[in-house]
Amino acid sequence: MYKLVMLLIIGGAMLAWHGYQEYELGQRMSPEAKVLTYGELASTGPGDNAHVKLTGHLLCPNGFVYQRRDAHGPWSTVYIPAVSANGRFADDLRQAILLYGTRAIDNLPRPSGVRVIVKSAHVQNADQLDALASKASIEGVVVNTVESLGSKETALMAKMYPGTDLSKCWILEEGRQPTSPVAAMGFMGGGALMFIGGFVVVAKH
């Protein structure tokens, strides 16, 4: 009984919080994505529409962070910095691959001053990451108003990109779509009912 009650309370709180986050994001985006170049997003952010389609970017192939739900399972979440496809790092990368092949990627100095980090829950391995990197555009939602890098991700990323102020990076969650206000309110209402229900059970016992 105790475990069930705690599940109701904790699960309700999490569901309500998720609904609140979706509602907050929903106030800052429209169903149609705004097309932004890397330079535009890096310099001014998403503006009044957090639902964006990023173009003119390059995902950094020699430094990213991923999470797994278990030690030998597929990746559950990936965070990979992005830079301009027309910047110095992109030029150096293309030149290195031309001269020495893909083995040169790991030895290439990482860029400094990264301003965009792409997050994905749809990339489970290196091949899928390569497929994402090959896309001319990445559509998703800039989630900075409700989310930031976790402490572990921040520590790992800071070691790989010491010239980057991670607190100033825009986080673009690839594949995320706007949630309707009705659905967001449903999450909040359902979570609140679960939360209250847990306490009601406690009070009766």
N, C-alpha and C. Protein backbone atom coordinates (compact mmCIF):
# COMPACT_ATOMS: atom_id res chain seq x y z
N MET A 1 0.82 -1.21 0.00
CA MET A 1 0.00 0.00 0.00
C MET A 1 0.86 1.27 0.00
N TYR A 2 1.91 1.25 0.85
CA TYR A 2 2.78 2.44 0.96
C TYR A 2 3.42 2.76 -0.38
N LYS A 3 3.90 1.71 -1.09
CA LYS A 3 4.56 1.94 -2.38
C LYS A 3 3.57 2.50 -3.39
N LEU A 4 2.34 2.00 -3.36
CA LEU A 4 1.32 2.49 -4.29
C LEU A 4 1.00 3.95 -4.03
N VAL A 5 0.90 4.33 -2.76
CA VAL A 5 0.60 5.71 -2.40
C VAL A 5 1.73 6.63 -2.85
N MET A 6 2.96 6.20 -2.58
CA MET A 6 4.11 7.02 -2.98
C MET A 6 4.18 7.15 -4.50
N LEU A 7 3.83 6.08 -5.20
CA LEU A 7 3.80 6.14 -6.66
C LEU A 7 2.77 7.15 -7.15
N LEU A 8 1.61 7.17 -6.51
CA LEU A 8 0.58 8.14 -6.87
C LEU A 8 1.06 9.58 -6.64
N ILE A 9 1.67 9.81 -5.48
CA ILE A 9 2.10 11.17 -5.13
C ILE A 9 3.23 11.63 -6.04
N ILE A 10 4.27 10.79 -6.17
CA ILE A 10 5.43 11.19 -6.98
C ILE A 10 5.07 11.25 -8.46
N GLY A 11 4.33 10.23 -8.91
CA GLY A 11 3.93 10.23 -10.32
C GLY A 11 3.02 11.40 -10.66
N GLY A 12 2.11 11.73 -9.74
CA GLY A 12 1.22 12.87 -9.97
C GLY A 12 1.98 14.17 -10.04
N ALA A 13 2.95 14.34 -9.15
CA ALA A 13 3.76 15.56 -9.15
C ALA A 13 4.55 15.69 -10.45
N MET A 14 5.13 14.57 -10.90
CA MET A 14 5.91 14.59 -12.14
C MET A 14 5.03 14.89 -13.34
N LEU A 15 3.85 14.29 -13.39
CA LEU A 15 2.94 14.52 -14.51
C LEU A 15 2.45 15.96 -14.53
N ALA A 16 2.13 16.51 -13.36
CA ALA A 16 1.69 17.91 -13.29
C ALA A 16 2.81 18.85 -13.71
N TRP A 17 4.04 18.55 -13.28
CA TRP A 17 5.19 19.39 -13.65
C TRP A 17 5.44 19.32 -15.16
N HIS A 18 5.31 18.13 -15.73
CA HIS A 18 5.46 17.98 -17.18
C HIS A 18 4.41 18.81 -17.90
N GLY A 19 3.18 18.77 -17.42
CA GLY A 19 2.13 19.56 -18.03
C GLY A 19 2.40 21.05 -17.96
N TYR A 20 2.93 21.49 -16.81
CA TYR A 20 3.26 22.91 -16.65
C TYR A 20 4.35 23.33 -17.63
N GLN A 21 5.38 22.47 -17.78
CA GLN A 21 6.46 22.78 -18.72
C GLN A 21 5.93 22.88 -20.14
N GLU A 22 5.08 21.93 -20.51
CA GLU A 22 4.51 21.95 -21.85
C GLU A 22 3.65 23.19 -22.06
N TYR A 23 2.91 23.58 -21.03
CA TYR A 23 2.08 24.78 -21.14
C TYR A 23 2.95 26.02 -21.33
N GLU A 24 4.03 26.11 -20.52
CA GLU A 24 4.93 27.25 -20.62
C GLU A 24 5.57 27.33 -22.01
N LEU A 25 6.03 26.19 -22.52
CA LEU A 25 6.61 26.17 -23.85
C LEU A 25 5.57 26.53 -24.91
N GLY A 26 4.35 26.04 -24.71
CA GLY A 26 3.30 26.30 -25.67
C GLY A 26 2.98 27.77 -25.84
N GLN A 27 3.21 28.56 -24.78
CA GLN A 27 2.98 30.00 -24.86
C GLN A 27 4.03 30.71 -25.71
N ARG A 28 5.12 29.99 -26.01
CA ARG A 28 6.25 30.60 -26.71
C ARG A 28 6.50 30.00 -28.08
N MET A 29 5.51 29.31 -28.62
CA MET A 29 5.72 28.71 -29.93
C MET A 29 4.42 28.57 -30.70
N SER A 30 4.58 28.35 -32.00
CA SER A 30 3.43 28.14 -32.87
C SER A 30 3.58 26.79 -33.56
N PRO A 31 2.50 26.26 -34.15
CA PRO A 31 2.60 24.95 -34.81
C PRO A 31 3.60 24.92 -35.95
N GLU A 32 3.76 26.06 -36.62
CA GLU A 32 4.70 26.11 -37.76
C GLU A 32 6.08 26.54 -37.27
N ALA A 33 7.10 25.78 -37.63
CA ALA A 33 8.46 26.07 -37.19
C ALA A 33 9.02 27.31 -37.89
N LYS A 34 9.77 28.09 -37.13
CA LYS A 34 10.48 29.24 -37.69
C LYS A 34 11.84 28.76 -38.20
N VAL A 35 12.16 29.05 -39.45
CA VAL A 35 13.43 28.65 -40.03
C VAL A 35 14.51 29.64 -39.62
N LEU A 36 15.55 29.13 -38.96
CA LEU A 36 16.65 29.97 -38.49
C LEU A 36 17.98 29.35 -38.90
N THR A 37 18.91 30.19 -39.33
CA THR A 37 20.26 29.70 -39.55
C THR A 37 20.95 29.55 -38.19
N TYR A 38 22.06 28.84 -38.19
CA TYR A 38 22.80 28.69 -36.95
C TYR A 38 23.18 30.06 -36.39
N GLY A 39 23.63 30.96 -37.26
CA GLY A 39 24.04 32.28 -36.81
C GLY A 39 22.92 33.06 -36.17
N GLU A 40 21.72 32.94 -36.73
CA GLU A 40 20.56 33.65 -36.17
C GLU A 40 20.18 33.11 -34.80
N LEU A 41 20.13 31.79 -34.68
CA LEU A 41 19.78 31.21 -33.38
C LEU A 41 20.86 31.50 -32.35
N ALA A 42 22.11 31.39 -32.74
CA ALA A 42 23.22 31.61 -31.81
C ALA A 42 23.26 33.04 -31.29
N SER A 43 22.95 34.00 -32.15
CA SER A 43 23.11 35.40 -31.77
C SER A 43 21.89 36.00 -31.10
N THR A 44 20.70 35.61 -31.53
CA THR A 44 19.48 36.24 -31.00
C THR A 44 18.50 35.28 -30.36
N GLY A 45 18.74 33.97 -30.46
CA GLY A 45 17.81 33.01 -29.89
C GLY A 45 16.59 32.82 -30.78
N PRO A 46 15.60 32.07 -30.29
CA PRO A 46 14.43 31.75 -31.12
C PRO A 46 13.40 32.87 -31.23
N GLY A 47 13.55 33.92 -30.42
CA GLY A 47 12.57 35.00 -30.47
C GLY A 47 11.23 34.58 -29.88
N ASP A 48 10.15 34.92 -30.58
CA ASP A 48 8.81 34.66 -30.05
C ASP A 48 8.27 33.29 -30.44
N ASN A 49 9.10 32.46 -31.08
CA ASN A 49 8.65 31.13 -31.47
C ASN A 49 9.76 30.12 -31.19
N ALA A 50 9.56 29.32 -30.13
CA ALA A 50 10.59 28.34 -29.74
C ALA A 50 10.60 27.11 -30.65
N HIS A 51 9.60 26.99 -31.51
CA HIS A 51 9.54 25.88 -32.47
C HIS A 51 10.32 26.30 -33.71
N VAL A 52 11.50 25.73 -33.91
CA VAL A 52 12.39 26.20 -34.96
C VAL A 52 12.86 25.07 -35.85
N LYS A 53 13.30 25.45 -37.04
CA LYS A 53 13.99 24.55 -37.96
C LYS A 53 15.37 25.13 -38.20
N LEU A 54 16.38 24.46 -37.69
CA LEU A 54 17.76 24.96 -37.74
C LEU A 54 18.42 24.55 -39.05
N THR A 55 19.07 25.53 -39.69
CA THR A 55 19.81 25.27 -40.92
C THR A 55 21.20 25.89 -40.81
N GLY A 56 22.06 25.56 -41.75
CA GLY A 56 23.40 26.15 -41.79
C GLY A 56 24.26 25.78 -40.60
N HIS A 57 24.09 24.57 -40.09
CA HIS A 57 24.78 24.13 -38.88
C HIS A 57 25.69 22.93 -39.19
N LEU A 58 26.54 22.62 -38.24
CA LEU A 58 27.36 21.40 -38.28
C LEU A 58 27.41 20.82 -36.87
N LEU A 59 27.02 19.57 -36.71
CA LEU A 59 27.12 18.91 -35.42
C LEU A 59 28.57 18.47 -35.21
N CYS A 60 29.12 18.79 -34.06
CA CYS A 60 30.53 18.50 -33.78
C CYS A 60 30.72 16.99 -33.59
N PRO A 61 31.46 16.34 -34.48
CA PRO A 61 31.56 14.87 -34.43
C PRO A 61 32.57 14.35 -33.41
N ASN A 62 33.37 15.22 -32.84
CA ASN A 62 34.45 14.75 -31.96
C ASN A 62 34.25 15.11 -30.49
N GLY A 63 33.01 15.35 -30.10
CA GLY A 63 32.76 15.64 -28.69
C GLY A 63 31.28 15.79 -28.39
N PHE A 64 30.68 14.74 -27.82
CA PHE A 64 29.27 14.79 -27.44
C PHE A 64 29.05 13.92 -26.21
N VAL A 65 27.89 14.08 -25.60
CA VAL A 65 27.55 13.36 -24.37
C VAL A 65 26.28 12.55 -24.62
N TYR A 66 26.26 11.33 -24.12
CA TYR A 66 25.04 10.53 -24.23
C TYR A 66 24.73 9.85 -22.91
N GLN A 67 23.46 9.52 -22.73
CA GLN A 67 22.98 8.80 -21.55
C GLN A 67 22.46 7.44 -21.98
N ARG A 68 22.55 6.47 -21.06
CA ARG A 68 21.96 5.15 -21.27
C ARG A 68 21.11 4.80 -20.06
N ARG A 69 20.05 4.06 -20.28
CA ARG A 69 19.24 3.59 -19.14
C ARG A 69 19.91 2.42 -18.43
N ASP A 70 20.74 1.67 -19.17
CA ASP A 70 21.55 0.63 -18.55
C ASP A 70 22.89 0.58 -19.27
N ALA A 71 23.84 -0.10 -18.66
CA ALA A 71 25.23 -0.03 -19.11
C ALA A 71 25.44 -0.51 -20.54
N HIS A 72 24.64 -1.46 -21.00
CA HIS A 72 24.86 -2.03 -22.33
C HIS A 72 23.70 -1.75 -23.29
N GLY A 73 22.80 -0.91 -22.91
CA GLY A 73 21.65 -0.61 -23.75
C GLY A 73 21.93 0.50 -24.74
N PRO A 74 20.95 0.80 -25.58
CA PRO A 74 21.11 1.91 -26.54
C PRO A 74 21.12 3.25 -25.82
N TRP A 75 21.57 4.26 -26.53
CA TRP A 75 21.55 5.61 -25.97
C TRP A 75 20.10 6.03 -25.77
N SER A 76 19.85 6.72 -24.68
CA SER A 76 18.50 7.23 -24.42
C SER A 76 18.39 8.72 -24.75
N THR A 77 19.47 9.46 -24.50
CA THR A 77 19.50 10.90 -24.80
C THR A 77 20.90 11.28 -25.23
N VAL A 78 20.98 12.14 -26.22
CA VAL A 78 22.27 12.62 -26.71
C VAL A 78 22.28 14.14 -26.69
N TYR A 79 23.41 14.70 -26.27
CA TYR A 79 23.63 16.14 -26.34
C TYR A 79 24.88 16.37 -27.19
N ILE A 80 24.71 17.09 -28.30
CA ILE A 80 25.85 17.31 -29.19
C ILE A 80 25.90 18.78 -29.61
N PRO A 81 27.04 19.45 -29.37
CA PRO A 81 27.17 20.86 -29.75
C PRO A 81 27.10 21.04 -31.26
N ALA A 82 26.60 22.18 -31.66
CA ALA A 82 26.53 22.54 -33.07
C ALA A 82 27.26 23.86 -33.30
N VAL A 83 27.85 23.99 -34.47
CA VAL A 83 28.52 25.23 -34.86
C VAL A 83 28.06 25.59 -36.27
N SER A 84 28.54 26.71 -36.77
CA SER A 84 28.17 27.14 -38.12
C SER A 84 28.81 26.22 -39.16
N ALA A 85 28.04 25.88 -40.18
CA ALA A 85 28.56 25.07 -41.27
C ALA A 85 29.55 25.83 -42.13
N ASN A 86 29.61 27.13 -41.92
CA ASN A 86 30.51 27.98 -42.71
C ASN A 86 31.64 28.57 -41.87
N GLY A 87 31.79 28.09 -40.63
CA GLY A 87 32.80 28.64 -39.74
C GLY A 87 34.15 27.97 -39.87
N ARG A 88 35.07 28.38 -39.01
CA ARG A 88 36.44 27.89 -39.09
C ARG A 88 36.53 26.40 -38.77
N PHE A 89 35.79 25.96 -37.74
CA PHE A 89 35.86 24.54 -37.39
C PHE A 89 35.36 23.68 -38.55
N ALA A 90 34.27 24.09 -39.20
CA ALA A 90 33.75 23.33 -40.34
C ALA A 90 34.77 23.26 -41.47
N ASP A 91 35.45 24.37 -41.73
CA ASP A 91 36.49 24.39 -42.77
C ASP A 91 37.64 23.46 -42.40
N ASP A 92 38.08 23.53 -41.14
CA ASP A 92 39.18 22.68 -40.69
C ASP A 92 38.79 21.20 -40.76
N LEU A 93 37.55 20.90 -40.41
CA LEU A 93 37.09 19.51 -40.44
C LEU A 93 37.07 18.98 -41.86
N ARG A 94 36.53 19.74 -42.78
CA ARG A 94 36.48 19.29 -44.17
C ARG A 94 37.89 19.09 -44.74
N GLN A 95 38.81 20.01 -44.40
CA GLN A 95 40.18 19.90 -44.89
C GLN A 95 40.89 18.68 -44.31
N ALA A 96 40.67 18.44 -43.01
CA ALA A 96 41.31 17.29 -42.36
C ALA A 96 40.81 15.98 -42.95
N ILE A 97 39.51 15.88 -43.18
CA ILE A 97 38.94 14.65 -43.76
C ILE A 97 39.44 14.45 -45.18
N LEU A 98 39.55 15.55 -45.92
CA LEU A 98 40.04 15.48 -47.31
C LEU A 98 41.47 14.96 -47.36
N LEU A 99 42.29 15.39 -46.41
CA LEU A 99 43.71 15.02 -46.42
C LEU A 99 43.98 13.67 -45.76
N TYR A 100 43.28 13.42 -44.64
CA TYR A 100 43.64 12.25 -43.84
C TYR A 100 42.48 11.26 -43.61
N GLY A 101 41.30 11.56 -44.10
CA GLY A 101 40.17 10.67 -43.90
C GLY A 101 39.49 10.91 -42.56
N THR A 102 38.49 10.12 -42.27
CA THR A 102 37.70 10.33 -41.06
C THR A 102 38.50 10.06 -39.78
N ARG A 103 39.63 9.37 -39.87
CA ARG A 103 40.43 9.12 -38.67
C ARG A 103 40.99 10.42 -38.08
N ALA A 104 40.97 11.50 -38.89
CA ALA A 104 41.50 12.78 -38.42
C ALA A 104 40.53 13.49 -37.48
N ILE A 105 39.27 13.04 -37.43
CA ILE A 105 38.26 13.75 -36.65
C ILE A 105 38.61 13.80 -35.17
N ASP A 106 39.05 12.68 -34.61
CA ASP A 106 39.32 12.62 -33.17
C ASP A 106 40.48 13.51 -32.74
N ASN A 107 41.37 13.81 -33.66
CA ASN A 107 42.54 14.63 -33.32
C ASN A 107 42.35 16.11 -33.62
N LEU A 108 41.20 16.46 -34.17
CA LEU A 108 40.95 17.85 -34.52
C LEU A 108 40.57 18.65 -33.27
N PRO A 109 41.21 19.79 -33.02
CA PRO A 109 40.82 20.60 -31.84
C PRO A 109 39.35 20.98 -31.90
N ARG A 110 38.69 20.88 -30.76
CA ARG A 110 37.26 21.20 -30.72
C ARG A 110 37.06 22.71 -30.78
N PRO A 111 35.94 23.15 -31.31
CA PRO A 111 35.68 24.59 -31.43
C PRO A 111 35.42 25.24 -30.08
N SER A 112 35.67 26.51 -30.00
CA SER A 112 35.33 27.29 -28.81
C SER A 112 34.16 28.20 -29.14
N GLY A 113 33.49 28.66 -28.10
CA GLY A 113 32.39 29.60 -28.33
C GLY A 113 31.15 28.96 -28.91
N VAL A 114 30.91 27.68 -28.64
CA VAL A 114 29.68 27.03 -29.09
C VAL A 114 28.47 27.72 -28.46
N ARG A 115 27.42 27.93 -29.24
CA ARG A 115 26.22 28.60 -28.72
C ARG A 115 24.95 27.77 -28.84
N VAL A 116 25.03 26.62 -29.50
CA VAL A 116 23.84 25.78 -29.67
C VAL A 116 24.20 24.34 -29.33
N ILE A 117 23.34 23.68 -28.55
CA ILE A 117 23.49 22.26 -28.26
C ILE A 117 22.21 21.56 -28.69
N VAL A 118 22.37 20.55 -29.51
CA VAL A 118 21.22 19.77 -29.98
C VAL A 118 21.02 18.58 -29.05
N LYS A 119 19.81 18.44 -28.54
CA LYS A 119 19.44 17.31 -27.70
C LYS A 119 18.52 16.40 -28.49
N SER A 120 18.72 15.10 -28.37
CA SER A 120 17.84 14.16 -29.07
C SER A 120 17.57 12.93 -28.21
N ALA A 121 16.31 12.53 -28.19
CA ALA A 121 15.92 11.28 -27.54
C ALA A 121 15.61 10.22 -28.60
N HIS A 122 15.96 10.52 -29.85
CA HIS A 122 15.66 9.60 -30.95
C HIS A 122 16.93 8.99 -31.54
N VAL A 123 18.07 9.34 -31.00
CA VAL A 123 19.35 8.82 -31.49
C VAL A 123 19.84 7.77 -30.51
N GLN A 124 19.96 6.52 -30.96
CA GLN A 124 20.30 5.42 -30.06
C GLN A 124 21.71 4.87 -30.26
N ASN A 125 22.40 5.30 -31.32
CA ASN A 125 23.75 4.79 -31.58
C ASN A 125 24.48 5.72 -32.52
N ALA A 126 25.73 5.39 -32.81
CA ALA A 126 26.57 6.26 -33.64
C ALA A 126 26.03 6.40 -35.06
N ASP A 127 25.49 5.32 -35.62
CA ASP A 127 24.95 5.39 -36.98
C ASP A 127 23.78 6.36 -37.06
N GLN A 128 22.91 6.32 -36.07
CA GLN A 128 21.77 7.24 -36.06
C GLN A 128 22.22 8.68 -35.83
N LEU A 129 23.30 8.85 -35.07
CA LEU A 129 23.84 10.20 -34.89
C LEU A 129 24.41 10.72 -36.20
N ASP A 130 25.08 9.86 -36.95
CA ASP A 130 25.58 10.25 -38.27
C ASP A 130 24.43 10.65 -39.19
N ALA A 131 23.33 9.91 -39.11
CA ALA A 131 22.17 10.23 -39.94
C ALA A 131 21.60 11.59 -39.58
N LEU A 132 21.54 11.89 -38.28
CA LEU A 132 21.05 13.20 -37.85
C LEU A 132 21.99 14.30 -38.33
N ALA A 133 23.29 14.04 -38.22
CA ALA A 133 24.28 15.04 -38.62
C ALA A 133 24.25 15.33 -40.12
N SER A 134 23.78 14.36 -40.90
CA SER A 134 23.76 14.55 -42.35
C SER A 134 22.55 15.34 -42.84
N LYS A 135 21.59 15.59 -41.96
CA LYS A 135 20.40 16.32 -42.36
C LYS A 135 20.71 17.80 -42.59
N ALA A 136 20.09 18.37 -43.61
CA ALA A 136 20.31 19.79 -43.91
C ALA A 136 19.62 20.69 -42.89
N SER A 137 18.60 20.18 -42.21
CA SER A 137 17.89 20.97 -41.20
C SER A 137 17.49 20.07 -40.04
N ILE A 138 17.36 20.67 -38.87
CA ILE A 138 16.91 19.95 -37.68
C ILE A 138 15.74 20.73 -37.09
N GLU A 139 14.59 20.07 -37.02
CA GLU A 139 13.41 20.72 -36.46
C GLU A 139 13.18 20.27 -35.02
N GLY A 140 12.83 21.20 -34.17
CA GLY A 140 12.57 20.86 -32.78
C GLY A 140 12.16 22.09 -32.00
N VAL A 141 12.34 22.01 -30.69
CA VAL A 141 11.92 23.09 -29.80
C VAL A 141 13.10 23.53 -28.94
N VAL A 142 13.29 24.84 -28.84
CA VAL A 142 14.31 25.40 -27.95
C VAL A 142 13.73 25.40 -26.54
N VAL A 143 14.35 24.64 -25.64
CA VAL A 143 13.72 24.32 -24.35
C VAL A 143 14.34 25.07 -23.16
N ASN A 144 15.12 26.11 -23.41
CA ASN A 144 15.83 26.78 -22.32
C ASN A 144 14.92 27.33 -21.23
N THR A 145 13.69 27.70 -21.57
CA THR A 145 12.81 28.29 -20.56
C THR A 145 12.35 27.28 -19.52
N VAL A 146 12.44 25.98 -19.83
CA VAL A 146 11.98 24.96 -18.89
C VAL A 146 13.03 23.90 -18.58
N GLU A 147 14.19 23.99 -19.23
CA GLU A 147 15.16 22.91 -19.08
C GLU A 147 16.57 23.44 -19.26
N SER A 148 17.53 22.79 -18.59
CA SER A 148 18.94 23.10 -18.77
C SER A 148 19.74 21.81 -18.74
N LEU A 149 21.02 21.88 -19.01
CA LEU A 149 21.86 20.69 -18.93
C LEU A 149 21.94 20.21 -17.49
N GLY A 150 21.95 18.90 -17.29
CA GLY A 150 22.14 18.36 -15.96
C GLY A 150 23.57 18.57 -15.50
N SER A 151 23.82 18.33 -14.22
CA SER A 151 25.15 18.56 -13.66
C SER A 151 26.20 17.66 -14.30
N LYS A 152 25.86 16.39 -14.54
CA LYS A 152 26.82 15.47 -15.15
C LYS A 152 27.13 15.86 -16.59
N GLU A 153 26.08 16.20 -17.33
CA GLU A 153 26.27 16.61 -18.72
C GLU A 153 27.10 17.90 -18.80
N THR A 154 26.83 18.82 -17.88
CA THR A 154 27.57 20.08 -17.87
C THR A 154 29.05 19.84 -17.58
N ALA A 155 29.35 18.97 -16.60
CA ALA A 155 30.73 18.69 -16.24
C ALA A 155 31.49 18.04 -17.40
N LEU A 156 30.86 17.07 -18.05
CA LEU A 156 31.51 16.39 -19.16
C LEU A 156 31.71 17.34 -20.35
N MET A 157 30.69 18.12 -20.64
CA MET A 157 30.77 19.03 -21.78
C MET A 157 31.80 20.14 -21.53
N ALA A 158 31.90 20.58 -20.28
CA ALA A 158 32.85 21.64 -19.95
C ALA A 158 34.29 21.19 -20.17
N LYS A 159 34.57 19.90 -19.92
CA LYS A 159 35.91 19.38 -20.15
C LYS A 159 36.23 19.31 -21.63
N MET A 160 35.23 18.98 -22.42
CA MET A 160 35.44 18.85 -23.87
C MET A 160 35.49 20.20 -24.58
N TYR A 161 34.74 21.18 -24.05
CA TYR A 161 34.66 22.49 -24.68
C TYR A 161 34.96 23.59 -23.66
N PRO A 162 36.21 23.69 -23.22
CA PRO A 162 36.54 24.66 -22.16
C PRO A 162 36.35 26.12 -22.57
N GLY A 163 36.29 26.39 -23.86
CA GLY A 163 36.10 27.76 -24.31
C GLY A 163 34.65 28.15 -24.49
N THR A 164 33.73 27.31 -24.00
CA THR A 164 32.30 27.55 -24.18
C THR A 164 31.62 27.83 -22.85
N ASP A 165 30.82 28.88 -22.81
CA ASP A 165 29.99 29.17 -21.64
C ASP A 165 28.68 28.42 -21.83
N LEU A 166 28.57 27.26 -21.20
CA LEU A 166 27.41 26.39 -21.42
C LEU A 166 26.11 27.02 -20.95
N SER A 167 26.19 27.95 -19.99
CA SER A 167 24.97 28.59 -19.50
C SER A 167 24.35 29.51 -20.54
N LYS A 168 25.10 29.85 -21.59
CA LYS A 168 24.61 30.75 -22.63
C LYS A 168 24.23 30.00 -23.90
N CYS A 169 24.30 28.68 -23.86
CA CYS A 169 23.96 27.89 -25.05
C CYS A 169 22.45 27.70 -25.16
N TRP A 170 21.96 27.75 -26.38
CA TRP A 170 20.56 27.41 -26.65
C TRP A 170 20.47 25.91 -26.82
N ILE A 171 19.50 25.28 -26.17
CA ILE A 171 19.31 23.83 -26.25
C ILE A 171 18.13 23.55 -27.16
N LEU A 172 18.41 22.94 -28.29
CA LEU A 172 17.37 22.60 -29.27
C LEU A 172 17.07 21.11 -29.17
N GLU A 173 15.87 20.76 -28.71
CA GLU A 173 15.49 19.36 -28.61
C GLU A 173 14.91 18.89 -29.93
N GLU A 174 15.69 18.09 -30.61
CA GLU A 174 15.32 17.60 -31.94
C GLU A 174 14.11 16.69 -31.86
N GLY A 175 13.16 16.89 -32.77
CA GLY A 175 12.00 16.02 -32.86
C GLY A 175 10.86 16.39 -31.92
N ARG A 176 11.08 17.30 -31.00
CA ARG A 176 10.01 17.70 -30.09
C ARG A 176 9.02 18.59 -30.82
N GLN A 177 7.77 18.37 -30.57
CA GLN A 177 6.70 19.13 -31.23
C GLN A 177 5.88 19.89 -30.19
N PRO A 178 5.24 20.99 -30.61
CA PRO A 178 4.40 21.75 -29.67
C PRO A 178 3.27 20.89 -29.12
N THR A 179 2.95 21.08 -27.86
CA THR A 179 1.82 20.43 -27.22
C THR A 179 0.67 21.42 -27.12
N SER A 180 -0.52 20.99 -27.46
CA SER A 180 -1.67 21.90 -27.41
C SER A 180 -1.96 22.30 -25.97
N PRO A 181 -2.51 23.51 -25.75
CA PRO A 181 -2.86 23.94 -24.39
C PRO A 181 -3.81 22.97 -23.70
N VAL A 182 -4.73 22.36 -24.46
CA VAL A 182 -5.68 21.43 -23.88
C VAL A 182 -4.95 20.20 -23.33
N ALA A 183 -3.99 19.68 -24.10
CA ALA A 183 -3.24 18.51 -23.65
C ALA A 183 -2.39 18.86 -22.44
N ALA A 184 -1.76 20.04 -22.47
CA ALA A 184 -0.93 20.46 -21.33
C ALA A 184 -1.77 20.58 -20.06
N MET A 185 -2.94 21.18 -20.20
CA MET A 185 -3.83 21.30 -19.04
C MET A 185 -4.29 19.93 -18.57
N GLY A 186 -4.46 19.00 -19.51
CA GLY A 186 -4.83 17.64 -19.14
C GLY A 186 -3.77 16.96 -18.30
N PHE A 187 -2.50 17.16 -18.70
CA PHE A 187 -1.40 16.61 -17.91
C PHE A 187 -1.39 17.19 -16.50
N MET A 188 -1.56 18.51 -16.42
CA MET A 188 -1.54 19.16 -15.10
C MET A 188 -2.71 18.68 -14.24
N GLY A 189 -3.90 18.61 -14.85
CA GLY A 189 -5.07 18.18 -14.10
C GLY A 189 -4.97 16.74 -13.65
N GLY A 190 -4.52 15.86 -14.55
CA GLY A 190 -4.36 14.46 -14.19
C GLY A 190 -3.32 14.26 -13.12
N GLY A 191 -2.22 15.00 -13.22
CA GLY A 191 -1.18 14.90 -12.21
C GLY A 191 -1.66 15.39 -10.85
N ALA A 192 -2.42 16.47 -10.86
CA ALA A 192 -2.94 17.01 -9.60
C ALA A 192 -3.89 16.02 -8.93
N LEU A 193 -4.73 15.36 -9.75
CA LEU A 193 -5.65 14.38 -9.19
C LEU A 193 -4.90 13.20 -8.56
N MET A 194 -3.86 12.72 -9.25
CA MET A 194 -3.06 11.63 -8.70
C MET A 194 -2.39 12.05 -7.40
N PHE A 195 -1.84 13.27 -7.39
CA PHE A 195 -1.13 13.78 -6.21
C PHE A 195 -2.08 13.88 -5.02
N ILE A 196 -3.23 14.50 -5.25
CA ILE A 196 -4.22 14.66 -4.17
C ILE A 196 -4.75 13.31 -3.72
N GLY A 197 -4.98 12.41 -4.71
CA GLY A 197 -5.49 11.09 -4.39
C GLY A 197 -4.56 10.33 -3.46
N GLY A 198 -3.26 10.49 -3.66
CA GLY A 198 -2.29 9.84 -2.78
C GLY A 198 -2.41 10.30 -1.36
N PHE A 199 -2.57 11.59 -1.16
CA PHE A 199 -2.71 12.13 0.18
C PHE A 199 -4.06 11.75 0.83
N VAL A 200 -5.09 11.62 -0.02
CA VAL A 200 -6.38 11.19 0.51
C VAL A 200 -6.28 9.77 1.07
N VAL A 201 -5.57 8.90 0.33
CA VAL A 201 -5.38 7.53 0.81
C VAL A 201 -4.61 7.53 2.13
N VAL A 202 -3.59 8.38 2.22
CA VAL A 202 -2.80 8.48 3.46
C VAL A 202 -3.69 8.93 4.62
N ALA A 203 -4.55 9.93 4.37
CA ALA A 203 -5.41 10.47 5.43
C ALA A 203 -6.41 9.42 5.94
N LYS A 204 -6.85 8.52 5.06
CA LYS A 204 -7.83 7.51 5.45
C LYS A 204 -7.21 6.37 6.24
N HIS A 205 -5.88 6.30 6.16
CA HIS A 205 -5.21 5.22 6.87
C HIS A 205 -4.34 5.78 8.00
